[in-house]
């Protein structure tokens, strides 16, 4: 499976969520593609890992739209599990669940059984930080990826959603974050 195949799988998976995500679709799609690109640059992945990354990327934040909450990690897992089941890949459930639930972990993920989880976490942080955190990726590389997959309002949507959440939940401002 090539990088292009990985991105095509992600594109195909995301397509079924276009109506649910609505006007945020292009921003989320590009975020997912940037994440996948960064993850594949941070870790030499097997074909199986590339598929896991594409599937997890599609679903990692989907609870923002399906559950309309900033506490979106738990509701992001069931659609990913349905995808795995439909593809006969239920044996990946634990790892794909961890890719989703641990991607906002503040400290490194250290379970050596699942090294892909840490690369996925780092890839999300590279994108979320707008490239301020790079984990060894070059500034030029990050810039090229951002140019290939423009932000399209993704970070503005995150700020808008977070502010709306904070007003209603001031004592739980970032429920998706983990220590």
Protein backbone atom coordinates (compact mmCIF):
# COMPACT_ATOMS: atom_id res chain seq x y z
CA UNK A 1 0.00 0.00 0.00
CA UNK A 2 1.52 3.32 -1.06
CA UNK A 3 1.01 6.75 0.49
CA UNK A 4 -1.41 7.48 -2.35
CA UNK A 5 -3.38 4.31 -1.55
CA UNK A 6 -3.53 5.33 2.10
CA UNK A 7 -4.88 8.76 1.20
CA UNK A 8 -7.39 7.25 -1.22
CA UNK A 9 -8.69 4.94 1.50
CA UNK A 10 -9.08 7.94 3.80
CA UNK A 11 -10.87 9.92 1.07
CA UNK A 12 -13.24 7.01 0.44
CA UNK A 13 -14.02 6.63 4.15
CA UNK A 14 -14.56 10.35 4.68
CA UNK A 15 -16.96 10.62 1.74
CA UNK A 16 -19.74 8.86 3.65
CA UNK A 17 -19.50 11.53 6.39
CA UNK A 18 -19.82 14.56 4.10
CA UNK A 19 -23.47 15.27 4.95
CA UNK A 20 -22.91 14.77 8.70
CA UNK A 21 -19.88 17.07 8.81
CA UNK A 22 -21.49 19.62 6.51
CA UNK A 23 -19.68 22.92 5.97
CA UNK A 24 -16.73 21.74 8.08
CA UNK A 25 -16.06 18.83 5.71
CA UNK A 26 -13.16 20.25 3.70
CA UNK A 27 -11.39 21.49 6.83
CA UNK A 28 -11.78 18.15 8.60
CA UNK A 29 -10.83 16.17 5.50
CA UNK A 30 -7.67 18.22 5.05
CA UNK A 31 -6.83 17.88 8.77
CA UNK A 32 -7.13 14.10 8.43
CA UNK A 33 -4.96 14.05 5.32
CA UNK A 34 -2.32 16.23 7.00
CA UNK A 35 -2.37 13.91 10.01
CA UNK A 36 -1.94 10.82 7.87
CA UNK A 37 0.90 12.46 5.97
CA UNK A 38 2.67 13.44 9.18
CA UNK A 39 2.12 10.01 10.73
CA UNK A 40 3.60 8.25 7.72
CA UNK A 41 6.59 10.61 7.84
CA UNK A 42 7.12 10.03 11.55
CA UNK A 43 6.97 6.22 11.33
CA UNK A 44 7.79 3.71 8.64
CA UNK A 45 4.46 1.92 8.45
CA UNK A 46 3.55 -1.51 7.17
CA UNK A 47 0.62 -1.83 4.79
CA UNK A 48 -1.54 -2.98 7.70
CA UNK A 49 -0.51 0.05 9.78
CA UNK A 50 -1.27 2.38 6.86
CA UNK A 51 -4.82 1.03 6.75
CA UNK A 52 -5.18 1.47 10.52
CA UNK A 53 -3.93 5.05 10.28
CA UNK A 54 -6.39 5.88 7.47
CA UNK A 55 -9.33 4.35 9.34
CA UNK A 56 -8.44 5.96 12.67
CA UNK A 57 -7.83 9.33 11.01
CA UNK A 58 -11.28 9.30 9.44
CA UNK A 59 -12.97 8.70 12.77
CA UNK A 60 -10.62 10.28 15.32
CA UNK A 61 -12.68 13.49 15.78
CA UNK A 62 -15.98 12.41 14.20
CA UNK A 63 -17.79 12.72 17.56
CA UNK A 64 -17.56 16.50 17.18
CA UNK A 65 -20.34 16.16 14.62
CA UNK A 66 -22.09 12.91 15.52
CA UNK A 67 -22.45 13.73 19.22
CA UNK A 68 -22.04 17.53 18.95
CA UNK A 69 -19.72 17.65 21.92
CA UNK A 70 -16.17 18.58 22.86
CA UNK A 71 -16.10 15.29 24.78
CA UNK A 72 -15.88 13.64 21.38
CA UNK A 73 -13.39 10.81 21.89
CA UNK A 74 -15.81 8.20 23.30
CA UNK A 75 -18.45 8.79 20.59
CA UNK A 76 -15.76 8.67 17.89
CA UNK A 77 -14.95 5.03 18.60
CA UNK A 78 -18.23 3.21 17.72
CA UNK A 79 -18.32 4.39 14.09
CA UNK A 80 -14.71 3.25 13.68
CA UNK A 81 -15.62 -0.14 15.14
CA UNK A 82 -18.53 -0.40 12.68
CA UNK A 83 -16.09 0.33 9.85
CA UNK A 84 -13.73 -2.39 11.06
CA UNK A 85 -16.59 -4.86 11.34
CA UNK A 86 -17.83 -4.06 7.83
CA UNK A 87 -14.32 -4.74 6.51
CA UNK A 88 -13.80 -7.92 8.56
CA UNK A 89 -11.06 -6.25 10.58
CA UNK A 90 -12.48 -6.57 14.11
CA UNK A 91 -9.12 -7.94 15.26
CA UNK A 92 -7.78 -4.37 14.93
CA UNK A 93 -10.38 -3.00 17.34
CA UNK A 94 -8.15 -2.51 20.37
CA UNK A 95 -5.40 -0.70 18.49
CA UNK A 96 -7.73 1.49 16.39
CA UNK A 97 -9.66 2.39 19.57
CA UNK A 98 -6.39 3.44 21.19
CA UNK A 99 -5.37 5.47 18.15
CA UNK A 100 -8.60 7.44 18.60
CA UNK A 101 -8.86 7.65 22.39
CA UNK A 102 -5.19 8.45 23.03
CA UNK A 103 -4.53 10.99 20.30
CA UNK A 104 -4.98 13.94 22.69
CA UNK A 105 -2.79 12.47 25.40
CA UNK A 106 -0.45 15.16 26.71
CA UNK A 107 2.38 12.78 27.56
CA UNK A 108 3.82 10.17 25.20
CA UNK A 109 1.98 6.89 24.78
CA UNK A 110 4.44 4.26 25.96
CA UNK A 111 2.77 0.85 25.59
CA UNK A 112 5.30 -0.94 23.39
CA UNK A 113 2.60 -3.25 22.00
CA UNK A 114 1.17 -0.33 20.03
CA UNK A 115 3.92 2.01 18.77
CA UNK A 116 1.60 3.35 16.08
CA UNK A 117 -0.47 5.08 18.77
CA UNK A 118 2.42 7.40 19.65
CA UNK A 119 3.13 8.27 16.01
CA UNK A 120 -0.57 9.03 15.48
CA UNK A 121 -0.63 11.20 18.63
CA UNK A 122 2.42 13.09 17.44
CA UNK A 123 0.97 13.57 13.95
CA UNK A 124 -2.19 15.10 15.39
CA UNK A 125 -0.15 17.42 17.59
CA UNK A 126 1.96 18.56 14.63
CA UNK A 127 -1.23 19.55 12.85
CA UNK A 128 -3.10 20.91 15.86
CA UNK A 129 -0.12 23.12 16.77
CA UNK A 130 -0.01 24.42 13.19
CA UNK A 131 3.49 23.00 12.92
CA UNK A 132 4.91 24.65 16.04
CA UNK A 133 5.54 21.16 17.41
CA UNK A 134 7.27 19.06 14.75
CA UNK A 135 8.77 15.93 16.39
CA UNK A 136 11.76 16.15 14.06
CA UNK A 137 9.88 16.93 10.85
CA UNK A 138 11.44 19.81 8.97
CA UNK A 139 9.77 23.19 8.87
CA UNK A 140 9.77 23.03 5.05
CA UNK A 141 8.10 19.60 5.06
CA UNK A 142 5.35 20.76 7.42
CA UNK A 143 4.84 23.87 5.26
CA UNK A 144 4.57 21.73 2.10
CA UNK A 145 1.98 19.44 3.68
CA UNK A 146 -0.03 22.43 4.90
CA UNK A 147 0.07 23.89 1.37
CA UNK A 148 -1.06 20.59 -0.15
CA UNK A 149 -3.94 20.25 2.33
CA UNK A 150 -4.95 23.81 3.33
CA UNK A 151 -6.54 24.49 6.69
CA UNK A 152 -9.92 25.43 5.12
CA UNK A 153 -11.19 26.83 8.42
CA UNK A 154 -10.50 23.74 10.53
CA UNK A 155 -8.73 25.53 13.37
CA UNK A 156 -11.29 28.36 13.36
CA UNK A 157 -14.04 25.75 13.72
CA UNK A 158 -12.15 24.19 16.65
CA UNK A 159 -11.81 27.57 18.39
CA UNK A 160 -15.48 28.42 17.78
CA UNK A 161 -16.62 25.01 19.07
CA UNK A 162 -14.30 25.16 22.09
CA UNK A 163 -15.49 28.64 23.07
CA UNK A 164 -19.11 27.57 22.80
CA UNK A 165 -18.35 24.51 24.96
CA UNK A 166 -16.44 26.57 27.54
CA UNK A 167 -19.36 28.96 28.05
CA UNK A 168 -21.60 26.01 28.91
CA UNK A 169 -18.97 23.90 30.74
CA UNK A 170 -16.48 26.27 32.41
CA UNK A 171 -15.32 23.61 34.88
CA UNK A 172 -14.64 21.05 32.14
CA UNK A 173 -13.08 23.12 29.35
CA UNK A 174 -11.14 20.37 27.55
CA UNK A 175 -12.74 16.97 28.20
CA UNK A 176 -10.96 15.39 25.24
CA UNK A 177 -7.51 15.93 26.74
CA UNK A 178 -5.77 13.19 28.74
CA UNK A 179 -2.76 13.34 30.97
